[in-house]
C-alpha atoms as a PDB file:
ATOM      1  CA  MET A   1      -0.729 -15.306 -54.122  1.00  0.00           C
ATOM      2  CA  SER A   2      -2.324 -18.751 -53.864  1.00  0.00           C
ATOM      3  CA  LYS A   3      -2.700 -21.279 -56.636  1.00  0.00           C
ATOM      4  CA  LEU A   4      -6.215 -21.896 -57.964  1.00  0.00           C
ATOM      5  CA  PRO A   5      -7.483 -25.282 -56.722  1.00  0.00           C
ATOM      6  CA  THR A   6      -9.031 -27.727 -59.193  1.00  0.00           C
ATOM      7  CA  VAL A   7     -12.427 -29.371 -58.898  1.00  0.00           C
ATOM      8  CA  LYS A   8     -10.735 -32.793 -59.021  1.00  0.00           C
ATOM      9  CA  GLY A   9      -8.405 -31.751 -56.198  1.00  0.00           C
ATOM     10  CA  TRP A  10     -11.400 -30.597 -54.154  1.00  0.00           C
ATOM     11  CA  ILE A  11     -13.155 -33.928 -54.724  1.00  0.00           C
ATOM     12  CA  LYS A  12     -10.012 -35.730 -53.575  1.00  0.00           C
ATOM     13  CA  GLU A  13      -9.825 -33.629 -50.384  1.00  0.00           C
ATOM     14  CA  LEU A  14     -13.510 -34.214 -49.589  1.00  0.00           C
ATOM     15  CA  ARG A  15     -12.904 -37.963 -49.831  1.00  0.00           C
ATOM     16  CA  SER A  16      -9.564 -37.940 -48.012  1.00  0.00           C
ATOM     17  CA  GLY A  17     -10.901 -38.261 -44.476  1.00  0.00           C
ATOM     18  CA  LYS A  18      -8.594 -35.413 -43.485  1.00  0.00           C
ATOM     19  CA  TYR A  19     -11.482 -33.037 -42.772  1.00  0.00           C
ATOM     20  CA  ASN A  20     -14.273 -33.376 -40.233  1.00  0.00           C
ATOM     21  CA  GLN A  21     -17.630 -32.040 -41.422  1.00  0.00           C
ATOM     22  CA  THR A  22     -19.590 -29.219 -39.815  1.00  0.00           C
ATOM     23  CA  THR A  23     -22.648 -27.186 -40.803  1.00  0.00           C
ATOM     24  CA  ARG A  24     -23.688 -23.538 -40.960  1.00  0.00           C
ATOM     25  CA  ARG A  25     -20.164 -22.133 -41.240  1.00  0.00           C
ATOM     26  CA  LEU A  26     -17.106 -22.566 -43.406  1.00  0.00           C
ATOM     27  CA  LYS A  27     -15.034 -23.678 -40.414  1.00  0.00           C
ATOM     28  CA  SER A  28     -15.744 -24.380 -36.772  1.00  0.00           C
ATOM     29  CA  ILE A  29     -12.689 -23.249 -34.863  1.00  0.00           C
ATOM     30  CA  TYR A  30     -13.910 -25.100 -31.769  1.00  0.00           C
ATOM     31  CA  THR A  31     -14.078 -28.539 -33.384  1.00  0.00           C
ATOM     32  CA  ASP A  32     -11.631 -27.892 -36.262  1.00  0.00           C
ATOM     33  CA  SER A  33     -14.273 -29.029 -38.746  1.00  0.00           C
ATOM     34  CA  PHE A  34     -15.380 -27.621 -42.101  1.00  0.00           C
ATOM     35  CA  CYS A  35     -18.328 -27.449 -44.466  1.00  0.00           C
ATOM     36  CA  CYS A  36     -17.672 -28.603 -48.036  1.00  0.00           C
ATOM     37  CA  MET A  37     -16.894 -25.061 -49.177  1.00  0.00           C
ATOM     38  CA  GLY A  38     -14.734 -24.509 -46.112  1.00  0.00           C
ATOM     39  CA  VAL A  39     -12.563 -27.392 -47.330  1.00  0.00           C
ATOM     40  CA  LEU A  40     -12.202 -25.552 -50.627  1.00  0.00           C
ATOM     41  CA  CYS A  41     -11.248 -22.325 -48.844  1.00  0.00           C
ATOM     42  CA  ASP A  42      -8.720 -24.192 -46.714  1.00  0.00           C
ATOM     43  CA  MET A  43      -7.110 -25.571 -49.881  1.00  0.00           C
ATOM     44  CA  THR A  44      -6.221 -22.004 -50.890  1.00  0.00           C
ATOM     45  CA  GLY A  45      -4.163 -21.530 -47.735  1.00  0.00           C
ATOM     46  CA  CYS A  46      -6.455 -18.797 -46.432  1.00  0.00           C
ATOM     47  CA  SER A  47      -6.292 -17.667 -42.848  1.00  0.00           C
ATOM     48  CA  TRP A  48      -9.315 -17.951 -40.573  1.00  0.00           C
ATOM     49  CA  ASP A  49     -10.751 -15.380 -38.190  1.00  0.00           C
ATOM     50  CA  GLU A  50     -12.079 -16.155 -34.710  1.00  0.00           C
ATOM     51  CA  ASN A  51     -15.586 -16.818 -36.113  1.00  0.00           C
ATOM     52  CA  GLY A  52     -14.423 -19.376 -38.666  1.00  0.00           C
ATOM     53  CA  ASN A  53     -14.660 -17.021 -41.628  1.00  0.00           C
ATOM     54  CA  ALA A  54     -12.121 -17.241 -44.421  1.00  0.00           C
ATOM     55  CA  ASN A  55     -10.132 -14.050 -44.739  1.00  0.00           C
ATOM     56  CA  LYS A  56      -9.728 -12.471 -48.161  1.00  0.00           C
ATOM     57  CA  VAL A  57      -7.514 -14.498 -50.449  1.00  0.00           C
ATOM     58  CA  LYS A  58      -5.970 -13.463 -53.743  1.00  0.00           C
ATOM     59  CA  ILE A  59      -5.566 -16.348 -56.155  1.00  0.00           C
ATOM     60  CA  GLU A  60      -3.768 -16.459 -59.477  1.00  0.00           C
ATOM     61  CA  GLY A  61      -5.918 -15.411 -62.399  1.00  0.00           C
ATOM     62  CA  ASN A  62      -7.331 -12.383 -60.534  1.00  0.00           C
ATOM     63  CA  VAL A  63      -9.748 -14.448 -58.460  1.00  0.00           C
ATOM     64  CA  ASN A  64     -10.496 -12.941 -55.071  1.00  0.00           C
ATOM     65  CA  PHE A  65     -12.936 -14.115 -52.457  1.00  0.00           C
ATOM     66  CA  TYR A  66     -13.982 -13.287 -48.959  1.00  0.00           C
ATOM     67  CA  GLY A  67     -16.240 -15.685 -47.120  1.00  0.00           C
ATOM     68  CA  VAL A  68     -18.191 -17.912 -49.510  1.00  0.00           C
ATOM     69  CA  PRO A  69     -15.962 -18.453 -52.551  1.00  0.00           C
ATOM     70  CA  ASN A  70     -18.423 -17.734 -55.394  1.00  0.00           C
ATOM     71  CA  SER A  71     -15.827 -16.338 -57.803  1.00  0.00           C
ATOM     72  CA  LEU A  72     -13.482 -19.201 -56.940  1.00  0.00           C
ATOM     73  CA  LEU A  73     -16.154 -21.810 -57.735  1.00  0.00           C
ATOM     74  CA  LYS A  74     -17.012 -20.189 -61.059  1.00  0.00           C
ATOM     75  CA  LYS A  75     -13.369 -20.017 -62.162  1.00  0.00           C
ATOM     76  CA  MET A  76     -12.643 -23.616 -61.100  1.00  0.00           C
ATOM     77  CA  PHE A  77     -15.520 -25.015 -63.162  1.00  0.00           C
ATOM     78  CA  GLU A  78     -14.595 -22.799 -66.123  1.00  0.00           C
ATOM     79  CA  ASN A  79     -11.028 -24.142 -65.953  1.00  0.00           C
ATOM     80  CA  ALA A  80     -12.426 -27.695 -65.918  1.00  0.00           C
ATOM     81  CA  GLY A  81     -14.199 -26.884 -69.198  1.00  0.00           C
ATOM     82  CA  VAL A  82     -17.747 -27.363 -67.914  1.00  0.00           C
ATOM     83  CA  LYS A  83     -20.801 -25.177 -68.274  1.00  0.00           C
ATOM     84  CA  ASN A  84     -21.399 -23.010 -65.236  1.00  0.00           C
ATOM     85  CA  LYS A  85     -23.803 -20.103 -64.953  1.00  0.00           C
ATOM     86  CA  SER A  86     -22.615 -18.690 -61.657  1.00  0.00           C
ATOM     87  CA  GLY A  87     -20.552 -19.594 -58.641  1.00  0.00           C
ATOM     88  CA  GLN A  88     -23.357 -18.240 -56.451  1.00  0.00           C
ATOM     89  CA  GLU A  89     -25.864 -20.852 -57.629  1.00  0.00           C
ATOM     90  CA  VAL A  90     -23.348 -23.684 -57.122  1.00  0.00           C
ATOM     91  CA  ALA A  91     -22.518 -22.324 -53.645  1.00  0.00           C
ATOM     92  CA  ASN A  92     -26.223 -22.220 -52.715  1.00  0.00           C
ATOM     93  CA  ILE A  93     -26.815 -25.818 -53.818  1.00  0.00           C
ATOM     94  CA  LEU A  94     -23.770 -27.067 -51.934  1.00  0.00           C
ATOM     95  CA  ALA A  95     -24.641 -25.096 -48.794  1.00  0.00           C
ATOM     96  CA  ILE A  96     -28.101 -26.674 -48.692  1.00  0.00           C
ATOM     97  CA  ALA A  97     -26.642 -30.143 -49.346  1.00  0.00           C
ATOM     98  CA  ASN A  98     -24.042 -29.740 -46.581  1.00  0.00           C
ATOM     99  CA  ASP A  99     -26.074 -27.783 -44.029  1.00  0.00           C
ATOM    100  CA  GLY A 100     -29.725 -28.595 -44.576  1.00  0.00           C
ATOM    101  CA  SER A 101     -29.940 -31.967 -46.270  1.00  0.00           C
ATOM    102  CA  GLY A 102     -27.230 -33.797 -44.352  1.00  0.00           C
ATOM    103  CA  TYR A 103     -25.179 -35.046 -47.286  1.00  0.00           C
ATOM    104  CA  THR A 104     -21.734 -36.332 -46.329  1.00  0.00           C
ATOM    105  CA  PHE A 105     -18.501 -35.135 -47.894  1.00  0.00           C
ATOM    106  CA  TYR A 106     -18.317 -38.403 -49.813  1.00  0.00           C
ATOM    107  CA  GLU A 107     -21.816 -37.895 -51.274  1.00  0.00           C
ATOM    108  CA  ILE A 108     -21.061 -34.272 -52.187  1.00  0.00           C
ATOM    109  CA  ALA A 109     -17.776 -35.358 -53.809  1.00  0.00           C
ATOM    110  CA  HIS A 110     -19.659 -37.977 -55.833  1.00  0.00           C
ATOM    111  CA  ALA A 111     -22.160 -35.356 -57.031  1.00  0.00           C
ATOM    112  CA  LEU A 112     -19.319 -32.991 -57.996  1.00  0.00           C
ATOM    113  CA  GLU A 113     -17.633 -35.808 -59.914  1.00  0.00           C
ATOM    114  CA  LEU A 114     -20.814 -36.542 -61.870  1.00  0.00           C
ATOM    115  CA  ALA A 115     -21.319 -32.819 -62.512  1.00  0.00           C
ATOM    116  CA  LEU A 116     -17.837 -32.733 -64.067  1.00  0.00           C
ATOM    117  CA  LYS A 117     -18.637 -35.732 -66.268  1.00  0.00           C
ATOM    118  CA  ASN A 118     -21.962 -34.237 -67.387  1.00  0.00           C
ATOM    119  CA  GLY A 119     -20.588 -30.700 -67.649  1.00  0.00           C
ATOM    120  CA  LYS A 120     -20.102 -30.730 -71.407  1.00  0.00           C
ATOM    121  CA  LYS A 121     -23.843 -31.071 -72.028  1.00  0.00           C
ATOM    122  CA  ASN A 122     -25.458 -29.834 -68.797  1.00  0.00           C
ATOM    123  CA  ARG A 123     -24.629 -26.952 -66.521  1.00  0.00           C
ATOM    124  CA  VAL A 124     -23.017 -27.903 -63.229  1.00  0.00           C
ATOM    125  CA  GLU A 125     -25.985 -26.429 -61.375  1.00  0.00           C
ATOM    126  CA  THR A 126     -28.447 -28.654 -63.264  1.00  0.00           C
ATOM    127  CA  THR A 127     -26.602 -31.865 -62.395  1.00  0.00           C
ATOM    128  CA  LEU A 128     -26.060 -30.873 -58.755  1.00  0.00           C
ATOM    129  CA  LYS A 129     -29.751 -29.987 -58.316  1.00  0.00           C
ATOM    130  CA  LYS A 130     -30.779 -33.397 -59.683  1.00  0.00           C
ATOM    131  CA  LEU A 131     -28.397 -35.239 -57.371  1.00  0.00           C
ATOM    132  CA  LEU A 132     -28.542 -33.132 -54.231  1.00  0.00           C
ATOM    133  CA  GLY A 133     -31.699 -31.062 -54.551  1.00  0.00           C
END
């Protein structure tokens, strides 16, 4: 069973320079690059199939995910003590930012950091939409 990553840890990994960025998939096995949520999946120690999909991972606290980690996102923000309606909405915003709008990992990390700071009064989704939408 894997340990649940933290939002702050994810921000640190996005800024680390350790990951190359890709679009339209969690991981490109051909270029060994990741989307922002692929970095998060990789932090759990998941295995990857030949199409760059994250295989099912069981994480402490009864969090399971396959593919896009909606339940993982929701639990991480809950553990950080911020308002969060759904992991699905956060995943959608981040997918558009990474894949469609061309935001870099550093810019996405900055938006996540501000969402954490504003999370006591605004939902994560609200802050991310303002910054990335």
